[in-house]
Amino acid sequence: MKYRAVTAVALAGLTLVAVGCGSDGDSDATVQEQLVSAVVDQLEKVDGVNADEECISDATASLSDAEAQSLLDNLDVDPATLSEEQQAFLDATGACISLS
């Protein structure tokens, strides 16, 4: 459960990133790619946490555009309110994190 807690904290921290990004992001990037970038950026800021970007990308690919966009827009939501698809993403992303 350590991974899940770290992932949840990282996702919660993305609220500011998502709001602050505006139109400065890569307009050609899919919403899944934007989510991968935001998750990896946040995880890299946490001391002792290593994120496998390819693994996170694989986990994110299973999200629909709407589910991925919902995570980017509403990352401060209670994890209990996540859809099954979003919860599966969170669980899968936990396996993409190692602690050093």
Protein backbone atom coordinates (compact mmCIF):
# COMPACT_ATOMS: atom_id res chain seq x y z
CA MET A 1 0.00 0.00 0.00
CA LYS A 2 3.02 2.34 0.20
CA TYR A 3 2.97 2.68 -3.58
CA ARG A 4 -0.71 3.47 -3.65
CA ALA A 5 -0.30 6.16 -1.01
CA VAL A 6 2.60 7.73 -2.91
CA THR A 7 0.60 7.61 -6.13
CA ALA A 8 -2.44 9.16 -4.47
CA VAL A 9 -0.30 11.96 -3.03
CA ALA A 10 1.31 12.56 -6.41
CA LEU A 11 -2.04 12.62 -8.17
CA ALA A 12 -3.45 15.01 -5.58
CA GLY A 13 -0.45 17.27 -6.15
CA LEU A 14 -1.22 17.42 -9.85
CA THR A 15 -4.14 19.76 -9.31
CA LEU A 16 -1.85 22.77 -9.44
CA VAL A 17 0.09 21.38 -12.37
CA ALA A 18 -3.05 20.77 -14.40
CA VAL A 19 -4.49 24.19 -13.61
CA GLY A 20 -1.16 25.92 -14.20
CA CYS A 21 -0.38 24.25 -17.50
CA GLY A 22 -3.00 26.05 -19.53
CA SER A 23 -2.15 26.18 -23.19
CA ASP A 24 1.61 25.91 -22.63
CA GLY A 25 1.42 22.12 -22.96
CA ASP A 26 2.09 20.10 -26.06
CA SER A 27 -1.04 20.66 -28.12
CA ASP A 28 -0.32 17.48 -30.09
CA ALA A 29 -0.16 15.32 -26.94
CA THR A 30 -3.14 13.14 -26.17
CA VAL A 31 -4.84 13.59 -22.84
CA GLN A 32 -3.30 10.28 -21.75
CA GLU A 33 0.18 11.58 -22.66
CA GLN A 34 -0.52 14.78 -20.73
CA LEU A 35 -1.55 12.71 -17.72
CA VAL A 36 1.62 10.57 -17.95
CA SER A 37 3.76 13.68 -18.11
CA ALA A 38 2.01 15.28 -15.14
CA VAL A 39 2.19 12.12 -13.01
CA VAL A 40 5.87 11.55 -13.79
CA ASP A 41 6.71 15.22 -13.14
CA GLN A 42 5.05 15.08 -9.73
CA LEU A 43 6.57 11.75 -8.75
CA GLU A 44 10.04 12.99 -9.67
CA LYS A 45 9.62 15.76 -7.10
CA VAL A 46 9.20 13.25 -4.26
CA ASP A 47 12.50 12.26 -2.64
CA GLY A 48 13.15 8.54 -2.74
CA VAL A 49 10.51 7.81 -5.37
CA ASN A 50 11.40 6.51 -8.82
CA ALA A 51 8.74 6.44 -11.54
CA ASP A 52 8.83 4.16 -14.56
CA GLU A 53 7.42 6.42 -17.29
CA GLU A 54 6.82 3.57 -19.74
CA CYS A 55 4.91 1.62 -17.11
CA ILE A 56 2.80 4.67 -16.24
CA SER A 57 2.16 5.22 -19.94
CA ASP A 58 0.97 1.62 -20.28
CA ALA A 59 -1.37 2.09 -17.30
CA THR A 60 -2.68 5.37 -18.67
CA ALA A 61 -3.39 3.91 -22.10
CA SER A 62 -6.30 1.97 -20.61
CA LEU A 63 -8.09 5.19 -19.65
CA SER A 64 -10.62 6.68 -22.00
CA ASP A 65 -10.08 10.29 -23.02
CA ALA A 66 -12.92 11.34 -20.71
CA GLU A 67 -11.53 9.42 -17.72
CA ALA A 68 -8.01 10.77 -18.26
CA GLN A 69 -9.30 14.32 -18.67
CA SER A 70 -11.40 13.93 -15.54
CA LEU A 71 -8.26 13.00 -13.58
CA LEU A 72 -6.38 15.99 -14.97
CA ASP A 73 -9.26 18.34 -14.14
CA ASN A 74 -10.27 16.94 -10.75
CA LEU A 75 -7.25 15.42 -9.09
CA ASP A 76 -8.25 16.74 -5.70
CA VAL A 77 -11.30 14.46 -5.51
CA ASP A 78 -11.74 11.86 -2.81
CA PRO A 79 -10.21 8.59 -4.11
CA ALA A 80 -13.40 6.83 -3.01
CA THR A 81 -15.25 8.74 -5.75
CA LEU A 82 -13.02 7.53 -8.59
CA SER A 83 -14.57 5.46 -11.33
CA GLU A 84 -13.56 1.80 -11.66
CA GLU A 85 -11.40 2.76 -14.65
CA GLN A 86 -9.64 5.51 -12.68
CA GLN A 87 -9.19 3.22 -9.67
CA ALA A 88 -7.65 0.56 -11.90
CA PHE A 89 -5.27 3.20 -13.27
CA LEU A 90 -4.29 4.22 -9.75
CA ASP A 91 -3.69 0.59 -8.79
CA ALA A 92 -1.65 -0.09 -11.94
CA THR A 93 0.40 3.06 -11.47
CA GLY A 94 1.37 1.88 -8.01
CA ALA A 95 3.31 -0.94 -9.64
CA CYS A 96 5.26 1.66 -11.66
CA ILE A 97 6.79 3.24 -8.60
CA SER A 98 9.85 2.11 -6.71
CA LEU A 99 11.18 3.51 -3.46
CA SER A 100 14.89 4.03 -3.00
